[in-house]
Amino acid sequence: MNGKSIMGILMLAAPQGTLIRVRTEGDDAAEAMSAIGQIINDKFGED
């Protein structure tokens, strides 16, 4: 699934506790992975 598609992400319909695997590619892969990790750690701003 391409993470650039918000609809694709939403269609995962992964409930809390679901294990997902994230892979980044390209020149900015490390920065992208760091940003994704921060979003997850911040609980997507839900708290």
Foldseek 3Di string as FASTA:
>chain_A
DDPVDPVVVVVVVDDPPDDDDDFADDPCRVVVVVVVVVCVVCVVVPD
